[in-house]
C-alpha atoms as a PDB file:
ATOM      1  CA  UNK A   1      75.874  82.852 124.736  1.00  0.00           C
ATOM      2  CA  UNK A   2      73.572  81.029 123.470  1.00  0.00           C
ATOM      3  CA  UNK A   3      69.409  81.844 123.850  1.00  0.00           C
ATOM      4  CA  UNK A   4      66.474  80.592 123.901  1.00  0.00           C
ATOM      5  CA  UNK A   5      65.054  78.776 120.906  1.00  0.00           C
ATOM      6  CA  UNK A   6      69.301  78.165 119.496  1.00  0.00           C
ATOM      7  CA  UNK A   7      70.372  74.869 118.194  1.00  0.00           C
ATOM      8  CA  UNK A   8      73.451  73.795 119.540  1.00  0.00           C
ATOM      9  CA  UNK A   9      75.052  70.460 119.368  1.00  0.00           C
ATOM     10  CA  UNK A  10      76.172  68.398 122.727  1.00  0.00           C
ATOM     11  CA  UNK A  11      79.429  66.767 123.260  1.00  0.00           C
ATOM     12  CA  UNK A  12      78.547  63.840 121.720  1.00  0.00           C
ATOM     13  CA  UNK A  13      77.265  65.639 118.276  1.00  0.00           C
ATOM     14  CA  UNK A  14      73.880  65.460 118.934  1.00  0.00           C
ATOM     15  CA  UNK A  15      71.164  68.225 117.742  1.00  0.00           C
ATOM     16  CA  UNK A  16      69.152  69.662 120.785  1.00  0.00           C
ATOM     17  CA  UNK A  17      67.147  72.820 120.956  1.00  0.00           C
ATOM     18  CA  UNK A  18      67.424  75.143 123.898  1.00  0.00           C
ATOM     19  CA  UNK A  19      63.772  75.522 125.066  1.00  0.00           C
ATOM     20  CA  UNK A  20      64.081  77.456 128.470  1.00  0.00           C
ATOM     21  CA  UNK A  21      66.183  78.374 131.458  1.00  0.00           C
ATOM     22  CA  UNK A  22      65.283  77.093 134.724  1.00  0.00           C
ATOM     23  CA  UNK A  23      66.602  77.152 138.117  1.00  0.00           C
ATOM     24  CA  UNK A  24      67.861  73.797 139.156  1.00  0.00           C
ATOM     25  CA  UNK A  25      69.471  72.150 142.142  1.00  0.00           C
ATOM     26  CA  UNK A  26      71.469  68.901 141.212  1.00  0.00           C
ATOM     27  CA  UNK A  27      73.270  68.808 144.978  1.00  0.00           C
ATOM     28  CA  UNK A  28      75.142  72.436 144.329  1.00  0.00           C
ATOM     29  CA  UNK A  29      72.264  74.601 145.245  1.00  0.00           C
ATOM     30  CA  UNK A  30      69.799  76.444 142.955  1.00  0.00           C
ATOM     31  CA  UNK A  31      71.580  77.534 139.473  1.00  0.00           C
ATOM     32  CA  UNK A  32      70.119  78.294 135.862  1.00  0.00           C
ATOM     33  CA  UNK A  33      70.089  75.037 133.390  1.00  0.00           C
ATOM     34  CA  UNK A  34      69.328  75.357 129.864  1.00  0.00           C
ATOM     35  CA  UNK A  35      66.682  72.641 129.112  1.00  0.00           C
ATOM     36  CA  UNK A  36      67.142  71.111 126.089  1.00  0.00           C
ATOM     37  CA  UNK A  37      65.334  68.766 123.918  1.00  0.00           C
ATOM     38  CA  UNK A  38      66.441  66.796 121.313  1.00  0.00           C
ATOM     39  CA  UNK A  39      66.211  68.211 117.676  1.00  0.00           C
ATOM     40  CA  UNK A  40      66.346  64.629 115.948  1.00  0.00           C
ATOM     41  CA  UNK A  41      64.799  61.502 118.019  1.00  0.00           C
ATOM     42  CA  UNK A  42      68.055  59.794 118.022  1.00  0.00           C
ATOM     43  CA  UNK A  43      68.008  56.946 120.835  1.00  0.00           C
ATOM     44  CA  UNK A  44      66.129  58.980 123.333  1.00  0.00           C
ATOM     45  CA  UNK A  45      62.919  58.274 125.166  1.00  0.00           C
ATOM     46  CA  UNK A  46      59.679  60.037 124.239  1.00  0.00           C
ATOM     47  CA  UNK A  47      60.017  63.749 125.833  1.00  0.00           C
ATOM     48  CA  UNK A  48      63.823  63.340 127.002  1.00  0.00           C
ATOM     49  CA  UNK A  49      65.404  66.768 128.457  1.00  0.00           C
ATOM     50  CA  UNK A  50      68.929  67.479 128.803  1.00  0.00           C
ATOM     51  CA  UNK A  51      70.004  69.901 131.199  1.00  0.00           C
ATOM     52  CA  UNK A  52      73.041  71.924 130.929  1.00  0.00           C
ATOM     53  CA  UNK A  53      74.349  74.751 133.448  1.00  0.00           C
ATOM     54  CA  UNK A  54      74.142  78.016 131.625  1.00  0.00           C
ATOM     55  CA  UNK A  55      77.794  78.942 133.281  1.00  0.00           C
ATOM     56  CA  UNK A  56      79.384  75.864 131.807  1.00  0.00           C
ATOM     57  CA  UNK A  57      77.423  75.957 128.609  1.00  0.00           C
ATOM     58  CA  UNK A  58      80.238  77.664 126.301  1.00  0.00           C
ATOM     59  CA  UNK A  59      82.420  74.172 127.206  1.00  0.00           C
ATOM     60  CA  UNK A  60      79.338  71.846 126.776  1.00  0.00           C
ATOM     61  CA  UNK A  61      77.491  73.303 123.954  1.00  0.00           C
ATOM     62  CA  UNK A  62      78.771  73.939 120.263  1.00  0.00           C
ATOM     63  CA  UNK A  63      76.772  76.019 118.058  1.00  0.00           C
ATOM     64  CA  UNK A  64      75.651  74.788 114.470  1.00  0.00           C
ATOM     65  CA  UNK A  65      77.894  75.282 111.342  1.00  0.00           C
ATOM     66  CA  UNK A  66      76.205  78.039 109.361  1.00  0.00           C
ATOM     67  CA  UNK A  67      75.778  77.409 105.425  1.00  0.00           C
ATOM     68  CA  UNK A  68      79.020  78.943 104.268  1.00  0.00           C
ATOM     69  CA  UNK A  69      81.134  76.472 107.105  1.00  0.00           C
ATOM     70  CA  UNK A  70      78.920  73.601 105.732  1.00  0.00           C
ATOM     71  CA  UNK A  71      79.653  74.027 102.160  1.00  0.00           C
ATOM     72  CA  UNK A  72      83.274  74.584 103.141  1.00  0.00           C
ATOM     73  CA  UNK A  73      83.367  71.031 104.878  1.00  0.00           C
ATOM     74  CA  UNK A  74      81.530  69.597 102.250  1.00  0.00           C
ATOM     75  CA  UNK A  75      83.968  70.586  99.344  1.00  0.00           C
ATOM     76  CA  UNK A  76      87.033  69.868 101.680  1.00  0.00           C
ATOM     77  CA  UNK A  77      86.096  66.464 101.435  1.00  0.00           C
ATOM     78  CA  UNK A  78      87.909  65.434  98.772  1.00  0.00           C
ATOM     79  CA  UNK A  79      91.250  66.680  99.846  1.00  0.00           C
ATOM     80  CA  UNK A  80      90.951  65.386 103.264  1.00  0.00           C
ATOM     81  CA  UNK A  81      93.689  62.842 104.003  1.00  0.00           C
ATOM     82  CA  UNK A  82      92.757  59.462 106.161  1.00  0.00           C
ATOM     83  CA  UNK A  83      94.125  58.604 109.625  1.00  0.00           C
ATOM     84  CA  UNK A  84      97.409  56.364 109.455  1.00  0.00           C
ATOM     85  CA  UNK A  85      96.708  52.406 109.729  1.00  0.00           C
ATOM     86  CA  UNK A  86      96.128  51.238 113.524  1.00  0.00           C
ATOM     87  CA  UNK A  87      95.503  48.149 115.057  1.00  0.00           C
ATOM     88  CA  UNK A  88      91.467  47.724 116.147  1.00  0.00           C
ATOM     89  CA  UNK A  89      92.100  48.357 119.883  1.00  0.00           C
ATOM     90  CA  UNK A  90      94.090  51.640 119.134  1.00  0.00           C
ATOM     91  CA  UNK A  91      91.903  52.615 116.046  1.00  0.00           C
ATOM     92  CA  UNK A  92      89.103  52.523 118.827  1.00  0.00           C
ATOM     93  CA  UNK A  93      90.627  54.910 121.556  1.00  0.00           C
ATOM     94  CA  UNK A  94      91.998  57.232 118.791  1.00  0.00           C
ATOM     95  CA  UNK A  95      88.812  57.512 116.976  1.00  0.00           C
ATOM     96  CA  UNK A  96      86.812  57.740 120.124  1.00  0.00           C
ATOM     97  CA  UNK A  97      89.124  60.816 120.990  1.00  0.00           C
ATOM     98  CA  UNK A  98      88.605  62.281 117.731  1.00  0.00           C
ATOM     99  CA  UNK A  99      85.275  62.417 118.042  1.00  0.00           C
ATOM    100  CA  UNK A 100      84.994  63.975 121.248  1.00  0.00           C
ATOM    101  CA  UNK A 101      87.295  66.644 120.287  1.00  0.00           C
ATOM    102  CA  UNK A 102      84.267  68.059 118.099  1.00  0.00           C
ATOM    103  CA  UNK A 103      86.414  69.376 115.282  1.00  0.00           C
ATOM    104  CA  UNK A 104      84.170  68.812 111.998  1.00  0.00           C
ATOM    105  CA  UNK A 105      86.895  68.012 109.759  1.00  0.00           C
ATOM    106  CA  UNK A 106      88.730  65.492 112.102  1.00  0.00           C
ATOM    107  CA  UNK A 107      85.146  63.585 112.234  1.00  0.00           C
ATOM    108  CA  UNK A 108      84.772  63.521 108.679  1.00  0.00           C
ATOM    109  CA  UNK A 109      88.723  61.774 108.495  1.00  0.00           C
ATOM    110  CA  UNK A 110      87.540  59.177 110.478  1.00  0.00           C
ATOM    111  CA  UNK A 111      84.411  58.680 108.238  1.00  0.00           C
ATOM    112  CA  UNK A 112      86.348  58.724 104.878  1.00  0.00           C
ATOM    113  CA  UNK A 113      89.269  56.433 107.077  1.00  0.00           C
ATOM    114  CA  UNK A 114      86.417  54.230 108.101  1.00  0.00           C
ATOM    115  CA  UNK A 115      84.990  54.058 104.299  1.00  0.00           C
ATOM    116  CA  UNK A 116      88.446  52.777 103.012  1.00  0.00           C
ATOM    117  CA  UNK A 117      88.948  50.440 105.831  1.00  0.00           C
ATOM    118  CA  UNK A 118      85.511  49.095 105.254  1.00  0.00           C
ATOM    119  CA  UNK A 119      86.235  48.579 101.499  1.00  0.00           C
ATOM    120  CA  UNK A 120      89.347  46.810 101.850  1.00  0.00           C
ATOM    121  CA  UNK A 121      88.352  44.212 104.044  1.00  0.00           C
ATOM    122  CA  UNK A 122      85.531  43.536 101.790  1.00  0.00           C
ATOM    123  CA  UNK A 123      88.399  43.158  98.947  1.00  0.00           C
ATOM    124  CA  UNK A 124      90.349  40.889 101.261  1.00  0.00           C
ATOM    125  CA  UNK A 125      86.600  38.962 102.059  1.00  0.00           C
ATOM    126  CA  UNK A 126      86.906  40.040 105.549  1.00  0.00           C
ATOM    127  CA  UNK A 127      84.125  41.348 107.862  1.00  0.00           C
ATOM    128  CA  UNK A 128      84.121  44.919 109.094  1.00  0.00           C
ATOM    129  CA  UNK A 129      83.812  45.046 112.778  1.00  0.00           C
ATOM    130  CA  UNK A 130      80.729  46.035 114.568  1.00  0.00           C
ATOM    131  CA  UNK A 131      82.231  48.593 116.289  1.00  0.00           C
ATOM    132  CA  UNK A 132      83.489  50.453 112.900  1.00  0.00           C
ATOM    133  CA  UNK A 133      80.062  49.759 111.716  1.00  0.00           C
ATOM    134  CA  UNK A 134      77.989  51.216 114.076  1.00  0.00           C
ATOM    135  CA  UNK A 135      81.050  54.444 114.377  1.00  0.00           C
ATOM    136  CA  UNK A 136      80.924  54.912 110.746  1.00  0.00           C
ATOM    137  CA  UNK A 137      76.824  54.852 111.317  1.00  0.00           C
ATOM    138  CA  UNK A 138      76.321  57.097 113.816  1.00  0.00           C
ATOM    139  CA  UNK A 139      79.391  59.849 112.750  1.00  0.00           C
ATOM    140  CA  UNK A 140      77.143  59.814 109.089  1.00  0.00           C
ATOM    141  CA  UNK A 141      74.293  60.437 111.178  1.00  0.00           C
ATOM    142  CA  UNK A 142      75.143  63.232 113.701  1.00  0.00           C
ATOM    143  CA  UNK A 143      77.331  64.748 110.383  1.00  0.00           C
ATOM    144  CA  UNK A 144      73.957  64.433 108.407  1.00  0.00           C
ATOM    145  CA  UNK A 145      71.955  66.144 111.047  1.00  0.00           C
ATOM    146  CA  UNK A 146      74.109  68.866 111.366  1.00  0.00           C
ATOM    147  CA  UNK A 147      74.484  69.665 107.528  1.00  0.00           C
ATOM    148  CA  UNK A 148      70.672  69.335 106.827  1.00  0.00           C
ATOM    149  CA  UNK A 149      70.115  72.200 109.742  1.00  0.00           C
ATOM    150  CA  UNK A 150      72.607  74.752 108.254  1.00  0.00           C
ATOM    151  CA  UNK A 151      71.523  74.078 104.485  1.00  0.00           C
ATOM    152  CA  UNK A 152      68.010  73.736 105.180  1.00  0.00           C
ATOM    153  CA  UNK A 153      67.880  70.373 103.675  1.00  0.00           C
ATOM    154  CA  UNK A 154      66.122  66.843 104.736  1.00  0.00           C
ATOM    155  CA  UNK A 155      68.670  64.945 106.386  1.00  0.00           C
ATOM    156  CA  UNK A 156      67.382  61.986 103.662  1.00  0.00           C
ATOM    157  CA  UNK A 157      69.122  64.448 101.025  1.00  0.00           C
ATOM    158  CA  UNK A 158      72.219  65.439 102.777  1.00  0.00           C
ATOM    159  CA  UNK A 159      74.121  62.026 100.894  1.00  0.00           C
ATOM    160  CA  UNK A 160      72.981  62.993  97.435  1.00  0.00           C
ATOM    161  CA  UNK A 161      73.743  66.820  97.979  1.00  0.00           C
ATOM    162  CA  UNK A 162      76.796  65.817  98.980  1.00  0.00           C
ATOM    163  CA  UNK A 163      77.831  62.691  96.200  1.00  0.00           C
ATOM    164  CA  UNK A 164      76.100  65.672  93.479  1.00  0.00           C
ATOM    165  CA  UNK A 165      78.073  68.580  94.615  1.00  0.00           C
ATOM    166  CA  UNK A 166      81.536  66.298  95.057  1.00  0.00           C
ATOM    167  CA  UNK A 167      81.259  63.063  92.894  1.00  0.00           C
ATOM    168  CA  UNK A 168      81.909  61.365  95.964  1.00  0.00           C
ATOM    169  CA  UNK A 169      80.225  59.085  98.382  1.00  0.00           C
ATOM    170  CA  UNK A 170      80.311  60.258 101.786  1.00  0.00           C
END
């Protein structure tokens, strides 16, 4: 169960802080909701809050990884396999589903797959699609945000930390 002050991930992988519990009536009668504030800026307007029913918080929110989990994930980067090559349409649907699952290793596999795909496209002098570019950028941002919290380092230093620890650009 989550408590006020906890940092959590929503289903999209964005980090929020639980600020309060308030009774809200969103059409089904009053029930207790967690009031969430974005931990990082993201693309929310200033003063944005999200409301998650306490009764459904276990299915809608995930805890932030702890330091050991973050280090184990980073150490696994070099052994992660990429996803098989699929058509752009299938890739978009498949990767969206993988990201929604919330499995961090699978998200890292998507990142690694997109990075390799981008390099292949560059070698062939072909463009990297806007969708793939946005997805790669967003996934890296979400992963770096969570790792920065887990390891208590600034987000701007996560990429260097990963490179120094693993010897790969991620």
